[in-house]
Amino acid sequence: MRKKIYITRTSRSLNKISDYIRGELKRQDLTQEQLADRLGVKQQTLSKWINNPKTLKLENFIDIMQELHTEKEEAAELICE
């Protein structure tokens, strides 16, 4: 069984993740529902992850970053202080 790894950072870095995802959705003219469909999750689940990134598993964070076409270095900056 794979161990679940959650993103647990300071509230400042968690806010950066939320702000980044919201900004990319707007920039790419995507809705949460469209991104959720691409990820194979419910819109409510994606909304929970965006509003409370502490609930976001690392593997889901990576999936979101890939769907938003985020460079690896930029994604790493979001979770590293």
Protein backbone atom coordinates (compact mmCIF):
# COMPACT_ATOMS: atom_id res chain seq x y z
CA MET A 1 0.00 0.00 0.00
CA ARG A 2 1.36 3.42 -0.97
CA LYS A 3 1.79 5.93 1.79
CA LYS A 4 -0.32 9.07 1.40
CA ILE A 5 1.79 12.20 1.47
CA TYR A 6 -0.03 15.44 2.16
CA ILE A 7 1.23 18.94 1.58
CA THR A 8 1.77 20.38 5.04
CA ARG A 9 3.37 23.79 4.93
CA THR A 10 2.85 27.13 6.58
CA SER A 11 -0.38 28.96 5.94
CA ARG A 12 1.57 31.38 3.74
CA SER A 13 2.75 28.64 1.38
CA LEU A 14 -0.70 27.02 1.42
CA ASN A 15 -2.17 30.36 0.38
CA LYS A 16 0.38 30.52 -2.46
CA ILE A 17 -0.89 27.17 -3.74
CA SER A 18 -4.52 28.30 -3.59
CA ASP A 19 -3.77 31.64 -5.22
CA TYR A 20 -1.70 30.00 -7.93
CA ILE A 21 -4.40 27.50 -8.88
CA ARG A 22 -7.10 30.18 -8.89
CA GLY A 23 -4.91 32.46 -10.98
CA GLU A 24 -4.14 29.74 -13.51
CA LEU A 25 -7.80 28.80 -13.82
CA LYS A 26 -8.59 32.41 -14.60
CA ARG A 27 -5.60 32.87 -16.92
CA GLN A 28 -6.43 29.72 -18.86
CA ASP A 29 -10.15 30.50 -18.85
CA LEU A 30 -10.97 27.22 -17.10
CA THR A 31 -13.64 26.51 -14.56
CA GLN A 32 -13.11 24.33 -11.52
CA GLU A 33 -15.57 21.90 -13.07
CA GLN A 34 -13.51 21.63 -16.27
CA LEU A 35 -10.28 21.04 -14.36
CA ALA A 36 -12.01 18.54 -12.08
CA ASP A 37 -13.24 16.62 -15.13
CA ARG A 38 -9.70 16.50 -16.52
CA LEU A 39 -8.46 15.19 -13.17
CA GLY A 40 -11.26 12.64 -12.85
CA VAL A 41 -12.57 14.08 -9.58
CA LYS A 42 -15.72 15.89 -8.51
CA GLN A 43 -15.77 19.67 -8.62
CA GLN A 44 -16.46 19.69 -4.87
CA THR A 45 -13.25 17.73 -4.27
CA LEU A 46 -11.19 20.15 -6.34
CA SER A 47 -12.80 23.09 -4.56
CA LYS A 48 -11.89 21.55 -1.19
CA TRP A 49 -8.27 21.14 -2.32
CA ILE A 50 -8.10 24.74 -3.54
CA ASN A 51 -9.72 26.22 -0.45
CA ASN A 52 -7.82 24.00 1.98
CA PRO A 53 -4.57 22.74 0.41
CA LYS A 54 -3.79 20.83 3.63
CA THR A 55 -6.23 18.22 2.31
CA LEU A 56 -4.30 17.98 -0.95
CA LYS A 57 -2.15 14.87 -1.37
CA LEU A 58 1.16 15.34 -3.13
CA GLU A 59 0.12 13.08 -6.00
CA ASN A 60 -3.01 15.20 -6.56
CA PHE A 61 -0.95 18.39 -6.41
CA ILE A 62 1.31 16.98 -9.12
CA ASP A 63 -1.72 16.03 -11.24
CA ILE A 64 -3.14 19.55 -10.92
CA MET A 65 0.19 21.13 -11.83
CA GLN A 66 0.48 18.88 -14.89
CA GLU A 67 -3.05 19.73 -16.05
CA LEU A 68 -2.28 23.43 -15.65
CA HIS A 69 0.98 22.92 -17.62
CA THR A 70 3.07 24.23 -14.74
CA GLU A 71 6.84 23.89 -15.01
CA LYS A 72 8.35 21.56 -12.38
CA GLU A 73 10.50 24.34 -10.95
CA GLU A 74 7.52 26.63 -10.52
CA ALA A 75 5.50 23.88 -8.83
CA ALA A 76 8.41 23.13 -6.50
CA GLU A 77 8.60 26.80 -5.49
CA LEU A 78 4.97 26.63 -4.39
CA ILE A 79 5.63 23.90 -1.85
CA CYS A 80 9.14 24.88 -0.79
CA GLU A 81 9.85 27.92 1.29
